[in-house]
Amino acid sequence: MSFTKRHIFNILIFVAFFAHSNAEVFRTQRTVVLVADEYASEIKNVGINECVSIKLPDDLTFIQGIEIIVKIPKILANFQNTVIYSLYDNIAPFPSEGKNDYSGKAIYSGLYPGHLSWSILVPLVKGNTIAKNPYADKTLIPDSGRGFVFLRNQLAMKGVPQKVLDAEFEMSAKTVFTNLGAIKIRANHDTGDFSIMVDDAEAKPNSAGLIFLKPGKHSVAVISEKFRNEVRTVAVEQAKTTEIGLELKSVEPTFSFNAPQGTRIFVDGNEIANAGKMKLEAGKHAFKFVLGGYEVVRSVEIQNGKHYDISVNFEANIKESE
C-alpha cells in the first residue's frame, strides 16, 4: 500500500499542527522505558500507539544529544509514512512502564520513512554539531532537566491491516558526545586569586570549574600577583576532564635570621617581636639591629619571590637568593 502526494501533504499538515499545539491529554497502549548509554546496549520493542521514555545519563557534561536508533519492521516498508513519531515536553505524570495516561506538549513530529533503519537525533544543548542526513532526522531541543526524553508513536491514518498495527520497532538509544574535552584546575588557593591563560588567551572556568577545549595539547598558565606563575602543557581528550593539581607558592619575600641572643630587630623604625614570622611588602626597607650599646643599620631593596638570610655579628650581612 502506498499513499498519494496529497495524502502525504495532509499528513505533514497534521504533523505541523500537532507539533505546535498546546498541551494535550492522551492515552498510550504501553510505555517502554529505555536507557541511553554510550553503546546503545539496551534494545526494546516499541509498538505503534506506544510511547518510549529514554532515561538520560546523570552526568550530561559532555553530551550534546542522544541518537534513538530505530529498526523498522519490514511490513512498514510497504506502508511507509503511516506512523508518526512525536517528541514531547512537559510530560505528566513522570513516565514509567506502569502508566498509560499522560499530558504533555508535542514540540516536534516526523514520519517513519520506508527504510529498514532510521535514527532520530535529539539535541540537548544549543550550539550542538548534530546534523540530519538521509537516514537520520534531527528534532528540536526538548527540556531534559527531568532526566528523560519522551517519544510517542501514533498511526497517521486509519484503514491499515492488522499486521501493520501489530508491528513493533526495535529501539535503542546512544549518547552523542561533544567534540570537546575539559580541564579543571585544583589548587591550594581560590581561583579568584589567579588568572588562567590557555594558549595565551584568558580562560574562565564555568560554575563547575571546567574549561572546555578542543582535544589535543594545550599550554595552561596560572598567573597571579600573589603566587609564583605556573605553566603546564596538558593533553586534552574528547569527552574527558583532565585535572591539573597545583601547589601555588606565595611570592611574598621570606626571611631567616641569625643573630646573637638578645639582639633587637627594627624594620622601618618598628621593633619586630617575632622575626621568624616577619612579612614585608616589596620595596626599600631599613633594618636596624641593636645589641647592648651596639647598633647596625642596613637599607635593603626587598623583592617578591626572594628569600633573605640575615646574619648579625656586630655587623649585618644580608644575602639574597632565589
C-alpha atoms as a PDB file:
ATOM      1  CA  MET A   1       0.000   0.000   0.000  1.00  0.00           C
ATOM      2  CA  SER A   2       1.267   3.494  -0.806  1.00  0.00           C
ATOM      3  CA  PHE A   3      -0.068   6.998  -0.306  1.00  0.00           C
ATOM      4  CA  THR A   4      -0.562   9.730  -2.878  1.00  0.00           C
ATOM      5  CA  LYS A   5       1.257  13.038  -2.609  1.00  0.00           C
ATOM      6  CA  ARG A   6      -1.994  14.564  -1.405  1.00  0.00           C
ATOM      7  CA  HIS A   7      -2.176  12.025   1.433  1.00  0.00           C
ATOM      8  CA  ILE A   8       1.393  12.783   2.497  1.00  0.00           C
ATOM      9  CA  PHE A   9       0.747  16.529   2.255  1.00  0.00           C
ATOM     10  CA  ASN A  10      -2.273  16.155   4.560  1.00  0.00           C
ATOM     11  CA  ILE A  11      -0.189  14.128   7.000  1.00  0.00           C
ATOM     12  CA  LEU A  12       2.510  16.782   7.123  1.00  0.00           C
ATOM     13  CA  ILE A  13      -0.100  19.493   7.697  1.00  0.00           C
ATOM     14  CA  PHE A  14      -1.402  17.431  10.599  1.00  0.00           C
ATOM     15  CA  VAL A  15       2.120  16.929  11.935  1.00  0.00           C
ATOM     16  CA  ALA A  16       2.873  20.658  11.818  1.00  0.00           C
ATOM     17  CA  PHE A  17      -0.342  21.491  13.646  1.00  0.00           C
ATOM     18  CA  PHE A  18       0.217  18.691  16.135  1.00  0.00           C
ATOM     19  CA  ALA A  19       3.761  19.778  16.945  1.00  0.00           C
ATOM     20  CA  HIS A  20       2.765  23.360  17.743  1.00  0.00           C
ATOM     21  CA  SER A  21      -0.484  22.734  19.579  1.00  0.00           C
ATOM     22  CA  ASN A  22      -0.983  23.321  23.282  1.00  0.00           C
ATOM     23  CA  ALA A  23      -0.578  20.605  25.912  1.00  0.00           C
ATOM     24  CA  GLU A  24      -2.867  17.663  25.360  1.00  0.00           C
ATOM     25  CA  VAL A  25      -4.108  14.708  27.348  1.00  0.00           C
ATOM     26  CA  PHE A  26      -3.589  11.333  25.691  1.00  0.00           C
ATOM     27  CA  ARG A  27      -3.564   7.613  26.377  1.00  0.00           C
ATOM     28  CA  THR A  28      -0.930   5.195  25.161  1.00  0.00           C
ATOM     29  CA  GLN A  29      -1.229   1.442  24.928  1.00  0.00           C
ATOM     30  CA  ARG A  30       2.091   0.977  26.700  1.00  0.00           C
ATOM     31  CA  THR A  31       5.097   2.921  27.986  1.00  0.00           C
ATOM     32  CA  VAL A  32       8.529   1.474  27.309  1.00  0.00           C
ATOM     33  CA  VAL A  33      11.450   2.737  29.410  1.00  0.00           C
ATOM     34  CA  LEU A  34      14.809   2.738  27.636  1.00  0.00           C
ATOM     35  CA  VAL A  35      18.248   3.767  28.953  1.00  0.00           C
ATOM     36  CA  ALA A  36      20.573   5.836  26.756  1.00  0.00           C
ATOM     37  CA  ASP A  37      24.251   4.981  27.060  1.00  0.00           C
ATOM     38  CA  GLU A  38      27.473   5.260  25.115  1.00  0.00           C
ATOM     39  CA  TYR A  39      26.990   1.992  23.238  1.00  0.00           C
ATOM     40  CA  ALA A  40      23.179   1.723  22.755  1.00  0.00           C
ATOM     41  CA  SER A  41      23.455  -1.544  24.655  1.00  0.00           C
ATOM     42  CA  GLU A  42      19.766  -1.855  25.593  1.00  0.00           C
ATOM     43  CA  ILE A  43      17.258  -2.726  22.847  1.00  0.00           C
ATOM     44  CA  LYS A  44      13.481  -2.808  23.353  1.00  0.00           C
ATOM     45  CA  ASN A  45      10.427  -3.319  21.179  1.00  0.00           C
ATOM     46  CA  VAL A  46       8.042  -0.389  20.841  1.00  0.00           C
ATOM     47  CA  GLY A  47       4.736  -0.730  19.027  1.00  0.00           C
ATOM     48  CA  ILE A  48       2.542   1.630  17.092  1.00  0.00           C
ATOM     49  CA  ASN A  49       0.458   3.744  19.502  1.00  0.00           C
ATOM     50  CA  GLU A  50       3.039   3.223  22.243  1.00  0.00           C
ATOM     51  CA  CYS A  51       5.461   5.598  23.958  1.00  0.00           C
ATOM     52  CA  VAL A  52       9.114   5.314  24.887  1.00  0.00           C
ATOM     53  CA  SER A  53      10.750   7.218  27.736  1.00  0.00           C
ATOM     54  CA  ILE A  54      14.513   7.424  27.247  1.00  0.00           C
ATOM     55  CA  LYS A  55      16.394   7.829  30.522  1.00  0.00           C
ATOM     56  CA  LEU A  56      19.396  10.165  30.190  1.00  0.00           C
ATOM     57  CA  PRO A  57      22.746   9.711  31.983  1.00  0.00           C
ATOM     58  CA  ASP A  58      23.125  11.549  35.266  1.00  0.00           C
ATOM     59  CA  ASP A  59      26.229  13.363  34.008  1.00  0.00           C
ATOM     60  CA  LEU A  60      25.498  15.364  30.843  1.00  0.00           C
ATOM     61  CA  THR A  61      28.739  17.373  30.905  1.00  0.00           C
ATOM     62  CA  PHE A  62      29.989  16.171  27.527  1.00  0.00           C
ATOM     63  CA  ILE A  63      26.705  15.028  25.995  1.00  0.00           C
ATOM     64  CA  GLN A  64      25.190  17.206  23.280  1.00  0.00           C
ATOM     65  CA  GLY A  65      22.296  14.890  22.428  1.00  0.00           C
ATOM     66  CA  ILE A  66      21.056  11.341  22.010  1.00  0.00           C
ATOM     67  CA  GLU A  67      20.518   9.180  18.956  1.00  0.00           C
ATOM     68  CA  ILE A  68      17.419   6.981  19.018  1.00  0.00           C
ATOM     69  CA  ILE A  69      18.257   4.070  16.732  1.00  0.00           C
ATOM     70  CA  VAL A  70      15.170   2.509  15.159  1.00  0.00           C
ATOM     71  CA  LYS A  71      14.945  -0.794  13.289  1.00  0.00           C
ATOM     72  CA  ILE A  72      11.756  -0.523  11.243  1.00  0.00           C
ATOM     73  CA  PRO A  73       9.801  -3.757  10.663  1.00  0.00           C
ATOM     74  CA  LYS A  74       9.685  -4.959   7.053  1.00  0.00           C
ATOM     75  CA  ILE A  75       5.902  -4.743   6.925  1.00  0.00           C
ATOM     76  CA  LEU A  76       6.079  -0.971   7.334  1.00  0.00           C
ATOM     77  CA  ALA A  77       8.394  -0.662   4.334  1.00  0.00           C
ATOM     78  CA  ASN A  78       5.273  -1.294   2.242  1.00  0.00           C
ATOM     79  CA  PHE A  79       3.237   1.120   4.344  1.00  0.00           C
ATOM     80  CA  GLN A  80       5.717   3.969   4.596  1.00  0.00           C
ATOM     81  CA  ASN A  81       4.656   7.298   6.058  1.00  0.00           C
ATOM     82  CA  THR A  82       1.911   5.627   8.087  1.00  0.00           C
ATOM     83  CA  VAL A  83       3.428   6.145  11.556  1.00  0.00           C
ATOM     84  CA  ILE A  84       4.259   9.460  13.226  1.00  0.00           C
ATOM     85  CA  TYR A  85       6.830   9.880  15.980  1.00  0.00           C
ATOM     86  CA  SER A  86       6.451  12.918  18.236  1.00  0.00           C
ATOM     87  CA  LEU A  87       8.805  14.405  20.811  1.00  0.00           C
ATOM     88  CA  TYR A  88       7.076  15.766  23.935  1.00  0.00           C
ATOM     89  CA  ASP A  89       7.797  18.299  26.663  1.00  0.00           C
ATOM     90  CA  ASN A  90       6.030  18.876  29.996  1.00  0.00           C
ATOM     91  CA  ILE A  91       5.086  15.219  30.402  1.00  0.00           C
ATOM     92  CA  ALA A  92       2.980  14.440  33.483  1.00  0.00           C
ATOM     93  CA  PRO A  93       2.998  12.262  35.434  1.00  0.00           C
ATOM     94  CA  PHE A  94       6.614  11.108  35.426  1.00  0.00           C
ATOM     95  CA  PRO A  95       6.740   8.294  32.843  1.00  0.00           C
ATOM     96  CA  SER A  96       7.082   4.678  33.878  1.00  0.00           C
ATOM     97  CA  GLU A  97       6.176   1.294  32.454  1.00  0.00           C
ATOM     98  CA  GLY A  98       3.059   1.172  34.605  1.00  0.00           C
ATOM     99  CA  LYS A  99       1.487   4.342  33.231  1.00  0.00           C
ATOM    100  CA  ASN A 100      -0.759   4.811  30.194  1.00  0.00           C
ATOM    101  CA  ASP A 101      -2.335   8.264  30.645  1.00  0.00           C
ATOM    102  CA  TYR A 102      -0.302  11.430  30.171  1.00  0.00           C
ATOM    103  CA  SER A 103      -0.484  15.099  29.436  1.00  0.00           C
ATOM    104  CA  GLY A 104       2.194  16.967  27.542  1.00  0.00           C
ATOM    105  CA  LYS A 105       3.042  19.180  24.608  1.00  0.00           C
ATOM    106  CA  ALA A 106       4.375  17.879  21.298  1.00  0.00           C
ATOM    107  CA  ILE A 107       7.338  20.012  20.193  1.00  0.00           C
ATOM    108  CA  TYR A 108       8.404  18.045  17.120  1.00  0.00           C
ATOM    109  CA  SER A 109       6.944  15.354  14.856  1.00  0.00           C
ATOM    110  CA  GLY A 110       8.172  13.315  11.923  1.00  0.00           C
ATOM    111  CA  LEU A 111       7.207  10.324   9.781  1.00  0.00           C
ATOM    112  CA  TYR A 112       8.988   6.995   9.748  1.00  0.00           C
ATOM    113  CA  PRO A 113      10.267   6.529   6.184  1.00  0.00           C
ATOM    114  CA  GLY A 114      10.306   3.432   4.001  1.00  0.00           C
ATOM    115  CA  HIS A 115      13.753   2.381   5.265  1.00  0.00           C
ATOM    116  CA  LEU A 116      14.521  -0.615   7.434  1.00  0.00           C
ATOM    117  CA  SER A 117      16.627   1.566   9.734  1.00  0.00           C
ATOM    118  CA  TRP A 118      16.200   5.137  10.923  1.00  0.00           C
ATOM    119  CA  SER A 119      17.741   7.407  13.526  1.00  0.00           C
ATOM    120  CA  ILE A 120      16.049  10.186  15.461  1.00  0.00           C
ATOM    121  CA  LEU A 121      18.676  12.680  16.590  1.00  0.00           C
ATOM    122  CA  VAL A 122      17.614  14.635  19.679  1.00  0.00           C
ATOM    123  CA  PRO A 123      19.914  17.584  20.532  1.00  0.00           C
ATOM    124  CA  LEU A 124      20.049  18.586  24.181  1.00  0.00           C
ATOM    125  CA  VAL A 125      22.082  21.801  24.013  1.00  0.00           C
ATOM    126  CA  LYS A 126      22.280  24.884  21.841  1.00  0.00           C
ATOM    127  CA  GLY A 127      25.269  25.191  19.547  1.00  0.00           C
ATOM    128  CA  ASN A 128      25.400  21.424  19.018  1.00  0.00           C
ATOM    129  CA  THR A 129      27.084  19.900  15.967  1.00  0.00           C
ATOM    130  CA  ILE A 130      24.406  17.249  15.372  1.00  0.00           C
ATOM    131  CA  ALA A 131      23.269  17.168  11.728  1.00  0.00           C
ATOM    132  CA  LYS A 132      20.443  15.344   9.979  1.00  0.00           C
ATOM    133  CA  ASN A 133      21.138  13.149   6.963  1.00  0.00           C
ATOM    134  CA  PRO A 134      19.199  10.892   4.550  1.00  0.00           C
ATOM    135  CA  TYR A 135      18.987   8.205   7.241  1.00  0.00           C
ATOM    136  CA  ALA A 136      18.502  10.380  10.306  1.00  0.00           C
ATOM    137  CA  ASP A 137      16.130  13.134  11.377  1.00  0.00           C
ATOM    138  CA  LYS A 138      17.049  15.938  13.793  1.00  0.00           C
ATOM    139  CA  THR A 139      14.424  17.199  16.237  1.00  0.00           C
ATOM    140  CA  LEU A 140      14.077  20.383  18.235  1.00  0.00           C
ATOM    141  CA  ILE A 141      15.715  20.625  21.675  1.00  0.00           C
ATOM    142  CA  PRO A 142      13.471  19.219  24.432  1.00  0.00           C
ATOM    143  CA  ASP A 143      13.553  20.079  28.112  1.00  0.00           C
ATOM    144  CA  SER A 144      15.901  17.436  29.530  1.00  0.00           C
ATOM    145  CA  GLY A 145      16.039  18.826  33.065  1.00  0.00           C
ATOM    146  CA  ARG A 146      13.994  15.938  34.460  1.00  0.00           C
ATOM    147  CA  GLY A 147      16.401  13.344  33.108  1.00  0.00           C
ATOM    148  CA  PHE A 148      14.405  11.813  30.253  1.00  0.00           C
ATOM    149  CA  VAL A 149      13.280  12.289  26.663  1.00  0.00           C
ATOM    150  CA  PHE A 150       9.717  11.232  25.767  1.00  0.00           C
ATOM    151  CA  LEU A 151       8.746   9.915  22.316  1.00  0.00           C
ATOM    152  CA  ARG A 152       5.276   8.870  21.192  1.00  0.00           C
ATOM    153  CA  ASN A 153       4.350   6.677  18.217  1.00  0.00           C
ATOM    154  CA  GLN A 154       0.996   7.218  16.502  1.00  0.00           C
ATOM    155  CA  LEU A 155      -0.788   5.862  13.466  1.00  0.00           C
ATOM    156  CA  ALA A 156      -1.057   8.599  10.843  1.00  0.00           C
ATOM    157  CA  MET A 157      -4.333   7.354   9.338  1.00  0.00           C
ATOM    158  CA  LYS A 158      -6.888   4.623   9.671  1.00  0.00           C
ATOM    159  CA  GLY A 159      -7.606   1.645   7.470  1.00  0.00           C
ATOM    160  CA  VAL A 160      -4.292  -0.239   7.695  1.00  0.00           C
ATOM    161  CA  PRO A 161      -4.212  -4.041   8.072  1.00  0.00           C
ATOM    162  CA  GLN A 162      -3.959  -5.652  11.491  1.00  0.00           C
ATOM    163  CA  LYS A 163      -0.470  -6.944  10.696  1.00  0.00           C
ATOM    164  CA  VAL A 164       0.654  -3.323  10.453  1.00  0.00           C
ATOM    165  CA  LEU A 165      -0.968  -2.484  13.783  1.00  0.00           C
ATOM    166  CA  ASP A 166       0.833  -5.444  15.366  1.00  0.00           C
ATOM    167  CA  ALA A 167       4.254  -4.414  14.023  1.00  0.00           C
ATOM    168  CA  GLU A 168       6.944  -3.328  16.506  1.00  0.00           C
ATOM    169  CA  PHE A 169      10.016  -1.172  16.155  1.00  0.00           C
ATOM    170  CA  GLU A 170      13.300  -2.234  17.737  1.00  0.00           C
ATOM    171  CA  MET A 171      14.699   0.814  19.545  1.00  0.00           C
ATOM    172  CA  SER A 172      17.915   1.640  21.333  1.00  0.00           C
ATOM    173  CA  ALA A 173      19.478   4.948  22.368  1.00  0.00           C
ATOM    174  CA  LYS A 174      23.062   6.122  22.471  1.00  0.00           C
ATOM    175  CA  THR A 175      24.607   9.305  23.758  1.00  0.00           C
ATOM    176  CA  VAL A 176      26.145  11.778  21.311  1.00  0.00           C
ATOM    177  CA  PHE A 177      29.238  13.386  22.771  1.00  0.00           C
ATOM    178  CA  THR A 178      30.511  16.879  22.107  1.00  0.00           C
ATOM    179  CA  ASN A 179      33.806  17.233  20.258  1.00  0.00           C
ATOM    180  CA  LEU A 180      35.335  18.893  23.336  1.00  0.00           C
ATOM    181  CA  GLY A 181      37.220  17.890  26.441  1.00  0.00           C
ATOM    182  CA  ALA A 182      37.860  19.958  29.555  1.00  0.00           C
ATOM    183  CA  ILE A 183      40.481  20.914  32.107  1.00  0.00           C
ATOM    184  CA  LYS A 184      39.942  21.640  35.785  1.00  0.00           C
ATOM    185  CA  ILE A 185      42.453  23.461  37.980  1.00  0.00           C
ATOM    186  CA  ARG A 186      42.775  22.111  41.506  1.00  0.00           C
ATOM    187  CA  ALA A 187      44.939  24.484  43.519  1.00  0.00           C
ATOM    188  CA  ASN A 188      45.650  25.148  47.164  1.00  0.00           C
ATOM    189  CA  HIS A 189      44.106  28.614  46.803  1.00  0.00           C
ATOM    190  CA  ASP A 190      40.878  30.133  45.466  1.00  0.00           C
ATOM    191  CA  THR A 191      40.551  30.629  41.705  1.00  0.00           C
ATOM    192  CA  GLY A 192      39.761  34.260  42.486  1.00  0.00           C
ATOM    193  CA  ASP A 193      43.412  34.696  43.472  1.00  0.00           C
ATOM    194  CA  PHE A 194      44.758  33.924  39.994  1.00  0.00           C
ATOM    195  CA  SER A 195      44.004  34.078  36.278  1.00  0.00           C
ATOM    196  CA  ILE A 196      44.111  31.151  33.861  1.00  0.00           C
ATOM    197  CA  MET A 197      45.601  31.515  30.403  1.00  0.00           C
ATOM    198  CA  VAL A 198      45.113  28.787  27.811  1.00  0.00           C
ATOM    199  CA  ASP A 199      47.201  29.057  24.652  1.00  0.00           C
ATOM    200  CA  ASP A 200      47.937  32.713  25.550  1.00  0.00           C
ATOM    201  CA  ALA A 201      44.252  33.663  25.908  1.00  0.00           C
ATOM    202  CA  GLU A 202      42.458  34.193  29.209  1.00  0.00           C
ATOM    203  CA  ALA A 203      40.020  31.378  30.056  1.00  0.00           C
ATOM    204  CA  LYS A 204      37.190  31.500  32.585  1.00  0.00           C
ATOM    205  CA  PRO A 205      36.016  28.277  34.284  1.00  0.00           C
ATOM    206  CA  ASN A 206      32.268  27.583  34.385  1.00  0.00           C
ATOM    207  CA  SER A 207      30.309  27.108  37.610  1.00  0.00           C
ATOM    208  CA  ALA A 208      31.707  23.565  37.893  1.00  0.00           C
ATOM    209  CA  GLY A 209      35.273  24.800  37.466  1.00  0.00           C
ATOM    210  CA  LEU A 210      35.598  23.387  33.931  1.00  0.00           C
ATOM    211  CA  ILE A 211      37.264  24.997  30.934  1.00  0.00           C
ATOM    212  CA  PHE A 212      36.163  23.324  27.688  1.00  0.00           C
ATOM    213  CA  LEU A 213      38.800  22.846  24.994  1.00  0.00           C
ATOM    214  CA  LYS A 214      39.268  21.012  21.732  1.00  0.00           C
ATOM    215  CA  PRO A 215      41.141  17.715  22.070  1.00  0.00           C
ATOM    216  CA  GLY A 216      44.907  17.975  21.767  1.00  0.00           C
ATOM    217  CA  LYS A 217      47.820  19.607  23.579  1.00  0.00           C
ATOM    218  CA  HIS A 218      47.327  22.993  25.210  1.00  0.00           C
ATOM    219  CA  SER A 219      49.551  25.353  27.159  1.00  0.00           C
ATOM    220  CA  VAL A 220      47.974  26.279  30.501  1.00  0.00           C
ATOM    221  CA  ALA A 221      49.400  29.082  32.638  1.00  0.00           C
ATOM    222  CA  VAL A 222      48.290  30.242  36.063  1.00  0.00           C
ATOM    223  CA  ILE A 223      49.123  33.919  36.548  1.00  0.00           C
ATOM    224  CA  SER A 224      48.939  35.794  39.845  1.00  0.00           C
ATOM    225  CA  GLU A 225      50.447  38.718  41.671  1.00  0.00           C
ATOM    226  CA  LYS A 226      50.271  36.724  44.899  1.00  0.00           C
ATOM    227  CA  PHE A 227      51.822  33.466  43.737  1.00  0.00           C
ATOM    228  CA  ARG A 228      54.580  32.214  41.507  1.00  0.00           C
ATOM    229  CA  ASN A 229      53.369  31.680  37.941  1.00  0.00           C
ATOM    230  CA  GLU A 230      52.862  28.060  36.919  1.00  0.00           C
ATOM    231  CA  VAL A 231      52.904  26.758  33.335  1.00  0.00           C
ATOM    232  CA  ARG A 232      51.843  23.279  32.203  1.00  0.00           C
ATOM    233  CA  THR A 233      51.407  21.500  28.866  1.00  0.00           C
ATOM    234  CA  VAL A 234      48.224  19.435  29.029  1.00  0.00           C
ATOM    235  CA  ALA A 235      46.842  16.762  26.680  1.00  0.00           C
ATOM    236  CA  VAL A 236      43.037  17.133  26.488  1.00  0.00           C
ATOM    237  CA  GLU A 237      40.935  14.119  25.443  1.00  0.00           C
ATOM    238  CA  GLN A 238      37.451  14.237  23.939  1.00  0.00           C
ATOM    239  CA  ALA A 239      34.622  13.960  26.476  1.00  0.00           C
ATOM    240  CA  LYS A 240      37.059  13.720  29.394  1.00  0.00           C
ATOM    241  CA  THR A 241      38.151  16.095  32.142  1.00  0.00           C
ATOM    242  CA  THR A 242      41.869  16.497  32.777  1.00  0.00           C
ATOM    243  CA  GLU A 243      42.635  17.741  36.272  1.00  0.00           C
ATOM    244  CA  ILE A 244      45.683  19.912  36.908  1.00  0.00           C
ATOM    245  CA  GLY A 245      46.872  19.911  40.503  1.00  0.00           C
ATOM    246  CA  LEU A 246      48.890  22.952  41.563  1.00  0.00           C
ATOM    247  CA  GLU A 247      50.657  23.800  44.806  1.00  0.00           C
ATOM    248  CA  LEU A 248      50.838  27.555  44.404  1.00  0.00           C
ATOM    249  CA  LYS A 249      53.736  29.189  46.181  1.00  0.00           C
ATOM    250  CA  SER A 250      53.462  32.689  47.547  1.00  0.00           C
ATOM    251  CA  VAL A 251      55.686  35.398  46.076  1.00  0.00           C
ATOM    252  CA  GLU A 252      55.959  37.164  49.432  1.00  0.00           C
ATOM    253  CA  PRO A 253      59.613  37.527  50.394  1.00  0.00           C
ATOM    254  CA  THR A 254      60.764  35.264  53.214  1.00  0.00           C
ATOM    255  CA  PHE A 255      63.397  35.851  55.885  1.00  0.00           C
ATOM    256  CA  SER A 256      65.639  33.935  58.224  1.00  0.00           C
ATOM    257  CA  PHE A 257      67.778  35.494  60.975  1.00  0.00           C
ATOM    258  CA  ASN A 258      70.983  34.513  62.700  1.00  0.00           C
ATOM    259  CA  ALA A 259      71.840  36.994  65.443  1.00  0.00           C
ATOM    260  CA  PRO A 260      73.315  36.917  68.961  1.00  0.00           C
ATOM    261  CA  GLN A 261      70.820  36.270  71.712  1.00  0.00           C
ATOM    262  CA  GLY A 262      69.197  39.459  72.897  1.00  0.00           C
ATOM    263  CA  THR A 263      69.559  41.287  69.576  1.00  0.00           C
ATOM    264  CA  ARG A 264      66.627  43.612  68.968  1.00  0.00           C
ATOM    265  CA  ILE A 265      65.433  43.974  65.368  1.00  0.00           C
ATOM    266  CA  PHE A 266      63.740  47.046  63.958  1.00  0.00           C
ATOM    267  CA  VAL A 267      62.288  47.411  60.437  1.00  0.00           C
ATOM    268  CA  ASP A 268      61.373  50.897  59.266  1.00  0.00           C
ATOM    269  CA  GLY A 269      61.538  52.062  62.870  1.00  0.00           C
ATOM    270  CA  ASN A 270      59.220  49.373  64.247  1.00  0.00           C
ATOM    271  CA  GLU A 271      60.562  46.649  66.520  1.00  0.00           C
ATOM    272  CA  ILE A 272      59.868  43.101  65.313  1.00  0.00           C
ATOM    273  CA  ALA A 273      58.707  40.846  68.142  1.00  0.00           C
ATOM    274  CA  ASN A 274      58.890  37.594  66.156  1.00  0.00           C
ATOM    275  CA  ALA A 275      61.380  37.815  63.316  1.00  0.00           C
ATOM    276  CA  GLY A 276      60.565  34.293  62.138  1.00  0.00           C
ATOM    277  CA  LYS A 277      57.057  35.392  61.120  1.00  0.00           C
ATOM    278  CA  MET A 278      58.016  38.742  59.658  1.00  0.00           C
ATOM    279  CA  LYS A 279      56.169  39.778  56.482  1.00  0.00           C
ATOM    280  CA  LEU A 280      57.218  42.695  54.322  1.00  0.00           C
ATOM    281  CA  GLU A 281      55.927  44.090  51.069  1.00  0.00           C
ATOM    282  CA  ALA A 282      58.308  44.506  48.172  1.00  0.00           C
ATOM    283  CA  GLY A 283      60.233  47.765  48.258  1.00  0.00           C
ATOM    284  CA  LYS A 284      63.009  49.523  50.143  1.00  0.00           C
ATOM    285  CA  HIS A 285      63.204  48.853  53.895  1.00  0.00           C
ATOM    286  CA  ALA A 286      65.541  49.967  56.688  1.00  0.00           C
ATOM    287  CA  PHE A 287      66.809  47.278  59.082  1.00  0.00           C
ATOM    288  CA  LYS A 288      68.309  48.181  62.455  1.00  0.00           C
ATOM    289  CA  PHE A 289      69.916  45.702  64.821  1.00  0.00           C
ATOM    290  CA  VAL A 290      70.601  46.680  68.437  1.00  0.00           C
ATOM    291  CA  LEU A 291      72.603  44.675  70.990  1.00  0.00           C
ATOM    292  CA  GLY A 292      73.586  46.425  74.195  1.00  0.00           C
ATOM    293  CA  GLY A 293      75.380  49.603  73.133  1.00  0.00           C
ATOM    294  CA  TYR A 294      75.971  48.406  69.579  1.00  0.00           C
ATOM    295  CA  GLU A 295      73.783  49.329  66.630  1.00  0.00           C
ATOM    296  CA  VAL A 296      73.942  48.298  62.963  1.00  0.00           C
ATOM    297  CA  VAL A 297      71.734  49.800  60.236  1.00  0.00           C
ATOM    298  CA  ARG A 298      71.230  48.474  56.698  1.00  0.00           C
ATOM    299  CA  SER A 299      68.907  49.517  53.888  1.00  0.00           C
ATOM    300  CA  VAL A 300      67.695  46.751  51.547  1.00  0.00           C
ATOM    301  CA  GLU A 301      65.513  46.672  48.396  1.00  0.00           C
ATOM    302  CA  ILE A 302      63.179  43.739  49.040  1.00  0.00           C
ATOM    303  CA  GLN A 303      61.766  41.862  46.020  1.00  0.00           C
ATOM    304  CA  ASN A 304      58.848  39.443  45.742  1.00  0.00           C
ATOM    305  CA  GLY A 305      59.758  35.801  45.284  1.00  0.00           C
ATOM    306  CA  LYS A 306      63.112  36.175  47.062  1.00  0.00           C
ATOM    307  CA  HIS A 307      64.448  34.706  50.301  1.00  0.00           C
ATOM    308  CA  TYR A 308      66.713  36.776  52.555  1.00  0.00           C
ATOM    309  CA  ASP A 309      69.220  35.259  55.001  1.00  0.00           C
ATOM    310  CA  ILE A 310      70.117  37.883  57.603  1.00  0.00           C
ATOM    311  CA  SER A 311      73.018  37.261  59.936  1.00  0.00           C
ATOM    312  CA  VAL A 312      74.238  39.763  62.541  1.00  0.00           C
ATOM    313  CA  ASN A 313      77.613  39.750  64.301  1.00  0.00           C
ATOM    314  CA  PHE A 314      78.074  43.360  65.241  1.00  0.00           C
ATOM    315  CA  GLU A 315      77.731  43.828  61.521  1.00  0.00           C
ATOM    316  CA  ALA A 316      74.740  42.939  59.429  1.00  0.00           C
ATOM    317  CA  ASN A 317      75.332  40.782  56.333  1.00  0.00           C
ATOM    318  CA  ILE A 318      72.355  40.274  54.061  1.00  0.00           C
ATOM    319  CA  LYS A 319      72.468  37.639  51.351  1.00  0.00           C
ATOM    320  CA  GLU A 320      69.838  37.419  48.627  1.00  0.00           C
ATOM    321  CA  SER A 321      68.940  34.098  46.987  1.00  0.00           C
ATOM    322  CA  GLU A 322      66.141  32.592  44.968  1.00  0.00           C
END
